[in-house]
Amino acid sequence: MSYILYIYIAVLIIASLISFFMYGYDKNLAKKNKMRIKEKYLLQVAILGGGLGALIGRIVFKHKTNKIYFSIVIISSILLELITLGLMIGLR
């Protein structure tokens, strides 16, 4: 595999970890009735490679699960990440 593929995979992993912990932190803030992370930031991290972490964070922390636009953005992000990954593997 080329080094670009490794970098892309590393970005996906790091962004997913950040996204996962952001959902957990935001849920904790919500429980304490404190100032929260803006929804646009939660979604931006998902779009920038953290789709899988966002999906897992929503499930684990039961956070933002009733918001349909979160589902659309996160699932779309994961699909684009998988397509990009598949193309990168196929083109190597």
PDB file of N, CA and C in Angstrom:
ATOM      1  N   MET A   1       0.837  -1.188   0.000  1.00  0.00           N
ATOM      2  CA  MET A   1       0.000   0.000   0.000  1.00  0.00           C
ATOM      3  C   MET A   1       0.881   1.250   0.000  1.00  0.00           C
ATOM      4  N   SER A   2       0.377   2.263  -0.628  1.00  0.00           N
ATOM      5  CA  SER A   2       1.141   3.507  -0.679  1.00  0.00           C
ATOM      6  C   SER A   2       1.017   4.262   0.644  1.00  0.00           C
ATOM      7  N   TYR A   3       1.959   5.151   0.840  1.00  0.00           N
ATOM      8  CA  TYR A   3       1.951   5.923   2.089  1.00  0.00           C
ATOM      9  C   TYR A   3       0.725   6.829   2.178  1.00  0.00           C
ATOM     10  N   ILE A   4       0.173   7.265   1.038  1.00  0.00           N
ATOM     11  CA  ILE A   4      -1.021   8.114   1.055  1.00  0.00           C
ATOM     12  C   ILE A   4      -2.206   7.350   1.643  1.00  0.00           C
ATOM     13  N   LEU A   5      -2.314   6.069   1.318  1.00  0.00           N
ATOM     14  CA  LEU A   5      -3.382   5.244   1.874  1.00  0.00           C
ATOM     15  C   LEU A   5      -3.233   5.123   3.391  1.00  0.00           C
ATOM     16  N   TYR A   6      -2.006   4.924   3.844  1.00  0.00           N
ATOM     17  CA  TYR A   6      -1.767   4.845   5.286  1.00  0.00           C
ATOM     18  C   TYR A   6      -2.131   6.158   5.984  1.00  0.00           C
ATOM     19  N   ILE A   7      -1.787   7.267   5.353  1.00  0.00           N
ATOM     20  CA  ILE A   7      -2.121   8.569   5.923  1.00  0.00           C
ATOM     21  C   ILE A   7      -3.638   8.740   5.995  1.00  0.00           C
ATOM     22  N   TYR A   8      -4.342   8.341   4.925  1.00  0.00           N
ATOM     23  CA  TYR A   8      -5.797   8.458   4.906  1.00  0.00           C
ATOM     24  C   TYR A   8      -6.427   7.606   6.012  1.00  0.00           C
ATOM     25  N   ILE A   9      -5.953   6.401   6.172  1.00  0.00           N
ATOM     26  CA  ILE A   9      -6.478   5.517   7.223  1.00  0.00           C
ATOM     27  C   ILE A   9      -6.198   6.122   8.601  1.00  0.00           C
ATOM     28  N   ALA A  10      -4.997   6.680   8.788  1.00  0.00           N
ATOM     29  CA  ALA A  10      -4.663   7.315  10.064  1.00  0.00           C
ATOM     30  C   ALA A  10      -5.584   8.510  10.339  1.00  0.00           C
ATOM     31  N   VAL A  11      -5.863   9.304   9.314  1.00  0.00           N
ATOM     32  CA  VAL A  11      -6.770  10.443   9.472  1.00  0.00           C
ATOM     33  C   VAL A  11      -8.160   9.967   9.876  1.00  0.00           C
ATOM     34  N   LEU A  12      -8.643   8.906   9.225  1.00  0.00           N
ATOM     35  CA  LEU A  12      -9.959   8.360   9.568  1.00  0.00           C
ATOM     36  C   LEU A  12     -10.002   7.888  11.016  1.00  0.00           C
ATOM     37  N   ILE A  13      -8.959   7.218  11.448  1.00  0.00           N
ATOM     38  CA  ILE A  13      -8.917   6.710  12.824  1.00  0.00           C
ATOM     39  C   ILE A  13      -8.874   7.862  13.823  1.00  0.00           C
ATOM     40  N   ILE A  14      -7.998   8.823  13.585  1.00  0.00           N
ATOM     41  CA  ILE A  14      -7.866   9.955  14.510  1.00  0.00           C
ATOM     42  C   ILE A  14      -9.154  10.772  14.552  1.00  0.00           C
ATOM     43  N   ALA A  15      -9.721  11.073  13.379  1.00  0.00           N
ATOM     44  CA  ALA A  15     -10.963  11.860  13.326  1.00  0.00           C
ATOM     45  C   ALA A  15     -12.106  11.106  14.001  1.00  0.00           C
ATOM     46  N   SER A  16     -12.144   9.789  13.837  1.00  0.00           N
ATOM     47  CA  SER A  16     -13.201   8.996  14.473  1.00  0.00           C
ATOM     48  C   SER A  16     -13.054   8.983  15.986  1.00  0.00           C
ATOM     49  N   LEU A  17     -11.833   8.900  16.459  1.00  0.00           N
ATOM     50  CA  LEU A  17     -11.614   8.946  17.910  1.00  0.00           C
ATOM     51  C   LEU A  17     -12.018  10.308  18.476  1.00  0.00           C
ATOM     52  N   ILE A  18     -11.629  11.361  17.783  1.00  0.00           N
ATOM     53  CA  ILE A  18     -12.006  12.707  18.224  1.00  0.00           C
ATOM     54  C   ILE A  18     -13.524  12.841  18.244  1.00  0.00           C
ATOM     55  N   SER A  19     -14.155  12.385  17.171  1.00  0.00           N
ATOM     56  CA  SER A  19     -15.614  12.476  17.063  1.00  0.00           C
ATOM     57  C   SER A  19     -16.300  11.695  18.181  1.00  0.00           C
ATOM     58  N   PHE A  20     -15.846  10.475  18.407  1.00  0.00           N
ATOM     59  CA  PHE A  20     -16.414   9.638  19.463  1.00  0.00           C
ATOM     60  C   PHE A  20     -16.352  10.340  20.817  1.00  0.00           C
ATOM     61  N   PHE A  21     -15.170  10.865  21.153  1.00  0.00           N
ATOM     62  CA  PHE A  21     -15.010  11.519  22.449  1.00  0.00           C
ATOM     63  C   PHE A  21     -15.773  12.835  22.526  1.00  0.00           C
ATOM     64  N   MET A  22     -15.934  13.524  21.399  1.00  0.00           N
ATOM     65  CA  MET A  22     -16.745  14.743  21.401  1.00  0.00           C
ATOM     66  C   MET A  22     -18.196  14.431  21.741  1.00  0.00           C
ATOM     67  N   TYR A  23     -18.733  13.332  21.204  1.00  0.00           N
ATOM     68  CA  TYR A  23     -20.110  12.953  21.517  1.00  0.00           C
ATOM     69  C   TYR A  23     -20.245  12.596  22.992  1.00  0.00           C
ATOM     70  N   GLY A  24     -19.268  11.893  23.528  1.00  0.00           N
ATOM     71  CA  GLY A  24     -19.310  11.552  24.946  1.00  0.00           C
ATOM     72  C   GLY A  24     -19.202  12.780  25.834  1.00  0.00           C
ATOM     73  N   TYR A  25     -18.319  13.680  25.471  1.00  0.00           N
ATOM     74  CA  TYR A  25     -18.138  14.907  26.245  1.00  0.00           C
ATOM     75  C   TYR A  25     -19.392  15.776  26.182  1.00  0.00           C
ATOM     76  N   ASP A  26     -19.966  15.902  24.984  1.00  0.00           N
ATOM     77  CA  ASP A  26     -21.175  16.717  24.835  1.00  0.00           C
ATOM     78  C   ASP A  26     -22.341  16.114  25.618  1.00  0.00           C
ATOM     79  N   LYS A  27     -22.450  14.807  25.622  1.00  0.00           N
ATOM     80  CA  LYS A  27     -23.510  14.151  26.391  1.00  0.00           C
ATOM     81  C   LYS A  27     -23.315  14.426  27.886  1.00  0.00           C
ATOM     82  N   ASN A  28     -22.069  14.375  28.333  1.00  0.00           N
ATOM     83  CA  ASN A  28     -21.764  14.660  29.733  1.00  0.00           C
ATOM     84  C   ASN A  28     -22.132  16.104  30.079  1.00  0.00           C
ATOM     85  N   LEU A  29     -21.812  17.036  29.177  1.00  0.00           N
ATOM     86  CA  LEU A  29     -22.184  18.437  29.399  1.00  0.00           C
ATOM     87  C   LEU A  29     -23.701  18.594  29.452  1.00  0.00           C
ATOM     88  N   ALA A  30     -24.400  17.867  28.601  1.00  0.00           N
ATOM     89  CA  ALA A  30     -25.872  17.948  28.575  1.00  0.00           C
ATOM     90  C   ALA A  30     -26.453  17.473  29.905  1.00  0.00           C
ATOM     91  N   LYS A  31     -25.901  16.403  30.455  1.00  0.00           N
ATOM     92  CA  LYS A  31     -26.389  15.875  31.728  1.00  0.00           C
ATOM     93  C   LYS A  31     -26.174  16.871  32.863  1.00  0.00           C
ATOM     94  N   LYS A  32     -25.078  17.630  32.770  1.00  0.00           N
ATOM     95  CA  LYS A  32     -24.759  18.611  33.811  1.00  0.00           C
ATOM     96  C   LYS A  32     -25.384  19.973  33.537  1.00  0.00           C
ATOM     97  N   ASN A  33     -26.143  20.066  32.450  1.00  0.00           N
ATOM     98  CA  ASN A  33     -26.818  21.305  32.058  1.00  0.00           C
ATOM     99  C   ASN A  33     -25.825  22.455  31.886  1.00  0.00           C
ATOM    100  N   LYS A  34     -24.681  22.160  31.238  1.00  0.00           N
ATOM    101  CA  LYS A  34     -23.647  23.164  30.987  1.00  0.00           C
ATOM    102  C   LYS A  34     -23.633  23.517  29.509  1.00  0.00           C
ATOM    103  N   MET A  35     -22.837  24.535  29.172  1.00  0.00           N
ATOM    104  CA  MET A  35     -22.710  24.957  27.781  1.00  0.00           C
ATOM    105  C   MET A  35     -22.183  23.790  26.943  1.00  0.00           C
ATOM    106  N   ARG A  36     -22.818  23.568  25.787  1.00  0.00           N
ATOM    107  CA  ARG A  36     -22.574  22.388  24.970  1.00  0.00           C
ATOM    108  C   ARG A  36     -21.694  22.675  23.766  1.00  0.00           C
ATOM    109  N   ILE A  37     -21.237  21.612  23.123  1.00  0.00           N
ATOM    110  CA  ILE A  37     -20.542  21.718  21.848  1.00  0.00           C
ATOM    111  C   ILE A  37     -21.596  22.005  20.786  1.00  0.00           C
ATOM    112  N   LYS A  38     -21.327  22.954  19.908  1.00  0.00           N
ATOM    113  CA  LYS A  38     -22.282  23.288  18.859  1.00  0.00           C
ATOM    114  C   LYS A  38     -22.459  22.098  17.920  1.00  0.00           C
ATOM    115  N   GLU A  39     -23.701  21.906  17.483  1.00  0.00           N
ATOM    116  CA  GLU A  39     -24.004  20.788  16.593  1.00  0.00           C
ATOM    117  C   GLU A  39     -23.180  20.838  15.322  1.00  0.00           C
ATOM    118  N   LYS A  40     -22.929  22.038  14.819  1.00  0.00           N
ATOM    119  CA  LYS A  40     -22.165  22.142  13.572  1.00  0.00           C
ATOM    120  C   LYS A  40     -20.753  21.574  13.744  1.00  0.00           C
ATOM    121  N   TYR A  41     -20.174  21.669  14.938  1.00  0.00           N
ATOM    122  CA  TYR A  41     -18.846  21.109  15.163  1.00  0.00           C
ATOM    123  C   TYR A  41     -18.886  19.587  15.244  1.00  0.00           C
ATOM    124  N   LEU A  42     -19.928  19.060  15.860  1.00  0.00           N
ATOM    125  CA  LEU A  42     -20.085  17.606  15.893  1.00  0.00           C
ATOM    126  C   LEU A  42     -20.216  17.052  14.474  1.00  0.00           C
ATOM    127  N   LEU A  43     -20.979  17.748  13.647  1.00  0.00           N
ATOM    128  CA  LEU A  43     -21.174  17.309  12.263  1.00  0.00           C
ATOM    129  C   LEU A  43     -19.922  17.529  11.419  1.00  0.00           C
ATOM    130  N   GLN A  44     -19.203  18.617  11.637  1.00  0.00           N
ATOM    131  CA  GLN A  44     -17.994  18.883  10.862  1.00  0.00           C
ATOM    132  C   GLN A  44     -16.937  17.809  11.073  1.00  0.00           C
ATOM    133  N   VAL A  45     -16.776  17.354  12.285  1.00  0.00           N
ATOM    134  CA  VAL A  45     -15.793  16.302  12.545  1.00  0.00           C
ATOM    135  C   VAL A  45     -16.200  15.018  11.831  1.00  0.00           C
ATOM    136  N   ALA A  46     -17.494  14.729  11.799  1.00  0.00           N
ATOM    137  CA  ALA A  46     -17.974  13.554  11.068  1.00  0.00           C
ATOM    138  C   ALA A  46     -17.668  13.689   9.586  1.00  0.00           C
ATOM    139  N   ILE A  47     -17.889  14.865   9.034  1.00  0.00           N
ATOM    140  CA  ILE A  47     -17.646  15.105   7.615  1.00  0.00           C
ATOM    141  C   ILE A  47     -16.157  15.026   7.290  1.00  0.00           C
ATOM    142  N   LEU A  48     -15.319  15.427   8.210  1.00  0.00           N
ATOM    143  CA  LEU A  48     -13.873  15.447   7.972  1.00  0.00           C
ATOM    144  C   LEU A  48     -13.194  14.115   8.282  1.00  0.00           C
ATOM    145  N   GLY A  49     -13.953  13.037   8.298  1.00  0.00           N
ATOM    146  CA  GLY A  49     -13.362  11.713   8.460  1.00  0.00           C
ATOM    147  C   GLY A  49     -13.776  10.975   9.709  1.00  0.00           C
ATOM    148  N   GLY A  50     -14.564  11.600  10.550  1.00  0.00           N
ATOM    149  CA  GLY A  50     -14.942  10.965  11.817  1.00  0.00           C
ATOM    150  C   GLY A  50     -16.327  10.355  11.806  1.00  0.00           C
ATOM    151  N   GLY A  51     -16.801   9.951  10.651  1.00  0.00           N
ATOM    152  CA  GLY A  51     -18.148   9.403  10.535  1.00  0.00           C
ATOM    153  C   GLY A  51     -18.378   8.167  11.389  1.00  0.00           C
ATOM    154  N   LEU A  52     -17.430   7.259  11.359  1.00  0.00           N
ATOM    155  CA  LEU A  52     -17.588   6.025  12.133  1.00  0.00           C
ATOM    156  C   LEU A  52     -17.588   6.318  13.637  1.00  0.00           C
ATOM    157  N   GLY A  53     -16.699   7.196  14.076  1.00  0.00           N
ATOM    158  CA  GLY A  53     -16.672   7.575  15.490  1.00  0.00           C
ATOM    159  C   GLY A  53     -17.956   8.263  15.920  1.00  0.00           C
ATOM    160  N   ALA A  54     -18.505   9.097  15.019  1.00  0.00           N
ATOM    161  CA  ALA A  54     -19.770   9.768  15.319  1.00  0.00           C
ATOM    162  C   ALA A  54     -20.897   8.758  15.459  1.00  0.00           C
ATOM    163  N   LEU A  55     -20.941   7.803  14.547  1.00  0.00           N
ATOM    164  CA  LEU A  55     -21.990   6.775  14.601  1.00  0.00           C
ATOM    165  C   LEU A  55     -21.893   5.961  15.887  1.00  0.00           C
ATOM    166  N   ILE A  56     -20.691   5.519  16.207  1.00  0.00           N
ATOM    167  CA  ILE A  56     -20.498   4.729  17.426  1.00  0.00           C
ATOM    168  C   ILE A  56     -20.784   5.580  18.669  1.00  0.00           C
ATOM    169  N   GLY A  57     -20.353   6.846  18.652  1.00  0.00           N
ATOM    170  CA  GLY A  57     -20.610   7.746  19.778  1.00  0.00           C
ATOM    171  C   GLY A  57     -22.094   7.968  20.010  1.00  0.00           C
ATOM    172  N   ARG A  58     -22.845   8.113  18.923  1.00  0.00           N
ATOM    173  CA  ARG A  58     -24.298   8.282  19.052  1.00  0.00           C
ATOM    174  C   ARG A  58     -24.915   7.059  19.717  1.00  0.00           C
ATOM    175  N   ILE A  59     -24.452   5.892  19.329  1.00  0.00           N
ATOM    176  CA  ILE A  59     -25.018   4.653  19.866  1.00  0.00           C
ATOM    177  C   ILE A  59     -24.608   4.454  21.329  1.00  0.00           C
ATOM    178  N   VAL A  60     -23.316   4.562  21.600  1.00  0.00           N
ATOM    179  CA  VAL A  60     -22.796   4.307  22.949  1.00  0.00           C
ATOM    180  C   VAL A  60     -23.358   5.304  23.963  1.00  0.00           C
ATOM    181  N   PHE A  61     -23.354   6.582  23.584  1.00  0.00           N
ATOM    182  CA  PHE A  61     -23.778   7.615  24.524  1.00  0.00           C
ATOM    183  C   PHE A  61     -25.257   7.977  24.402  1.00  0.00           C
ATOM    184  N   LYS A  62     -25.954   7.333  23.454  1.00  0.00           N
ATOM    185  CA  LYS A  62     -27.376   7.614  23.211  1.00  0.00           C
ATOM    186  C   LYS A  62     -27.582   9.130  23.076  1.00  0.00           C
ATOM    187  N   HIS A  63     -26.814   9.711  22.160  1.00  0.00           N
ATOM    188  CA  HIS A  63     -26.764  11.162  22.023  1.00  0.00           C
ATOM    189  C   HIS A  63     -27.091  11.574  20.594  1.00  0.00           C
ATOM    190  N   LYS A  64     -28.008  12.503  20.452  1.00  0.00           N
ATOM    191  CA  LYS A  64     -28.436  13.047  19.160  1.00  0.00           C
ATOM    192  C   LYS A  64     -29.075  11.976  18.273  1.00  0.00           C
ATOM    193  N   THR A  65     -29.650  10.975  18.876  1.00  0.00           N
ATOM    194  CA  THR A  65     -30.210   9.860  18.101  1.00  0.00           C
ATOM    195  C   THR A  65     -31.549  10.190  17.454  1.00  0.00           C
ATOM    196  N   ASN A  66     -32.238  11.210  17.906  1.00  0.00           N
ATOM    197  CA  ASN A  66     -33.533  11.573  17.324  1.00  0.00           C
ATOM    198  C   ASN A  66     -33.417  12.625  16.229  1.00  0.00           C
ATOM    199  N   LYS A  67     -32.222  13.063  15.943  1.00  0.00           N
ATOM    200  CA  LYS A  67     -32.019  14.113  14.948  1.00  0.00           C
ATOM    201  C   LYS A  67     -31.717  13.472  13.596  1.00  0.00           C
ATOM    202  N   ILE A  68     -32.690  13.554  12.687  1.00  0.00           N
ATOM    203  CA  ILE A  68     -32.574  12.885  11.389  1.00  0.00           C
ATOM    204  C   ILE A  68     -31.421  13.435  10.565  1.00  0.00           C
ATOM    205  N   TYR A  69     -31.173  14.753  10.658  1.00  0.00           N
ATOM    206  CA  TYR A  69     -30.086  15.313   9.863  1.00  0.00           C
ATOM    207  C   TYR A  69     -28.718  14.817  10.332  1.00  0.00           C
ATOM    208  N   PHE A  70     -28.590  14.452  11.596  1.00  0.00           N
ATOM    209  CA  PHE A  70     -27.359  13.838  12.066  1.00  0.00           C
ATOM    210  C   PHE A  70     -27.175  12.481  11.390  1.00  0.00           C
ATOM    211  N   SER A  71     -28.251  11.712  11.313  1.00  0.00           N
ATOM    212  CA  SER A  71     -28.172  10.404  10.661  1.00  0.00           C
ATOM    213  C   SER A  71     -27.772  10.552   9.199  1.00  0.00           C
ATOM    214  N   ILE A  72     -28.373  11.499   8.506  1.00  0.00           N
ATOM    215  CA  ILE A  72     -28.088  11.701   7.084  1.00  0.00           C
ATOM    216  C   ILE A  72     -26.630  12.091   6.879  1.00  0.00           C
ATOM    217  N   VAL A  73     -26.150  13.047   7.651  1.00  0.00           N
ATOM    218  CA  VAL A  73     -24.775  13.517   7.499  1.00  0.00           C
ATOM    219  C   VAL A  73     -23.778  12.411   7.859  1.00  0.00           C
ATOM    220  N   ILE A  74     -24.020  11.719   8.946  1.00  0.00           N
ATOM    221  CA  ILE A  74     -23.082  10.694   9.394  1.00  0.00           C
ATOM    222  C   ILE A  74     -23.043   9.519   8.424  1.00  0.00           C
ATOM    223  N   ILE A  75     -24.188   9.038   7.997  1.00  0.00           N
ATOM    224  CA  ILE A  75     -24.213   7.905   7.062  1.00  0.00           C
ATOM    225  C   ILE A  75     -23.600   8.306   5.720  1.00  0.00           C
ATOM    226  N   SER A  76     -23.900   9.507   5.246  1.00  0.00           N
ATOM    227  CA  SER A  76     -23.303   9.993   4.004  1.00  0.00           C
ATOM    228  C   SER A  76     -21.787  10.082   4.131  1.00  0.00           C
ATOM    229  N   SER A  77     -21.331  10.565   5.261  1.00  0.00           N
ATOM    230  CA  SER A  77     -19.899  10.676   5.503  1.00  0.00           C
ATOM    231  C   SER A  77     -19.223   9.308   5.485  1.00  0.00           C
ATOM    232  N   ILE A  78     -19.818   8.350   6.146  1.00  0.00           N
ATOM    233  CA  ILE A  78     -19.249   6.996   6.175  1.00  0.00           C
ATOM    234  C   ILE A  78     -19.211   6.410   4.765  1.00  0.00           C
ATOM    235  N   LEU A  79     -20.269   6.595   4.004  1.00  0.00           N
ATOM    236  CA  LEU A  79     -20.290   6.081   2.629  1.00  0.00           C
ATOM    237  C   LEU A  79     -19.186   6.718   1.788  1.00  0.00           C
ATOM    238  N   LEU A  80     -19.011   8.026   1.903  1.00  0.00           N
ATOM    239  CA  LEU A  80     -17.945   8.692   1.155  1.00  0.00           C
ATOM    240  C   LEU A  80     -16.560   8.222   1.599  1.00  0.00           C
ATOM    241  N   GLU A  81     -16.392   8.002   2.886  1.00  0.00           N
ATOM    242  CA  GLU A  81     -15.115   7.490   3.391  1.00  0.00           C
ATOM    243  C   GLU A  81     -14.831   6.107   2.827  1.00  0.00           C
ATOM    244  N   LEU A  82     -15.843   5.243   2.793  1.00  0.00           N
ATOM    245  CA  LEU A  82     -15.665   3.891   2.259  1.00  0.00           C
ATOM    246  C   LEU A  82     -15.396   3.905   0.762  1.00  0.00           C
ATOM    247  N   ILE A  83     -16.104   4.757   0.030  1.00  0.00           N
ATOM    248  CA  ILE A  83     -15.875   4.871  -1.415  1.00  0.00           C
ATOM    249  C   ILE A  83     -14.454   5.349  -1.683  1.00  0.00           C
ATOM    250  N   THR A  84     -14.032   6.371  -0.957  1.00  0.00           N
ATOM    251  CA  THR A  84     -12.673   6.897  -1.120  1.00  0.00           C
ATOM    252  C   THR A  84     -11.642   5.831  -0.793  1.00  0.00           C
ATOM    253  N   LEU A  85     -11.850   5.127   0.293  1.00  0.00           N
ATOM    254  CA  LEU A  85     -10.940   4.053   0.686  1.00  0.00           C
ATOM    255  C   LEU A  85     -10.883   2.968  -0.389  1.00  0.00           C
ATOM    256  N   GLY A  86     -12.059   2.574  -0.896  1.00  0.00           N
ATOM    257  CA  GLY A  86     -12.114   1.555  -1.940  1.00  0.00           C
ATOM    258  C   GLY A  86     -11.398   1.999  -3.204  1.00  0.00           C
ATOM    259  N   LEU A  87     -11.583   3.244  -3.595  1.00  0.00           N
ATOM    260  CA  LEU A  87     -10.907   3.771  -4.779  1.00  0.00           C
ATOM    261  C   LEU A  87      -9.398   3.820  -4.568  1.00  0.00           C
ATOM    262  N   MET A  88      -8.980   4.205  -3.386  1.00  0.00           N
ATOM    263  CA  MET A  88      -7.547   4.265  -3.102  1.00  0.00           C
ATOM    264  C   MET A  88      -6.909   2.882  -3.137  1.00  0.00           C
ATOM    265  N   ILE A  89      -7.624   1.897  -2.619  1.00  0.00           N
ATOM    266  CA  ILE A  89      -7.102   0.523  -2.642  1.00  0.00           C
ATOM    267  C   ILE A  89      -7.100  -0.007  -4.062  1.00  0.00           C
ATOM    268  N   GLY A  90      -8.162   0.291  -4.813  1.00  0.00           N
ATOM    269  CA  GLY A  90      -8.276  -0.190  -6.184  1.00  0.00           C
ATOM    270  C   GLY A  90      -7.281   0.433  -7.132  1.00  0.00           C
ATOM    271  N   LEU A  91      -6.846   1.645  -6.848  1.00  0.00           N
ATOM    272  CA  LEU A  91      -5.930   2.352  -7.735  1.00  0.00           C
ATOM    273  C   LEU A  91      -4.464   2.140  -7.408  1.00  0.00           C
ATOM    274  N   ARG A  92      -4.167   1.454  -6.367  1.00  0.00           N
ATOM    275  CA  ARG A  92      -2.767   1.310  -5.983  1.00  0.00           C
ATOM    276  C   ARG A  92      -2.002   0.383  -6.871  1.00  0.00           C
TER     277      ARG A  92
END
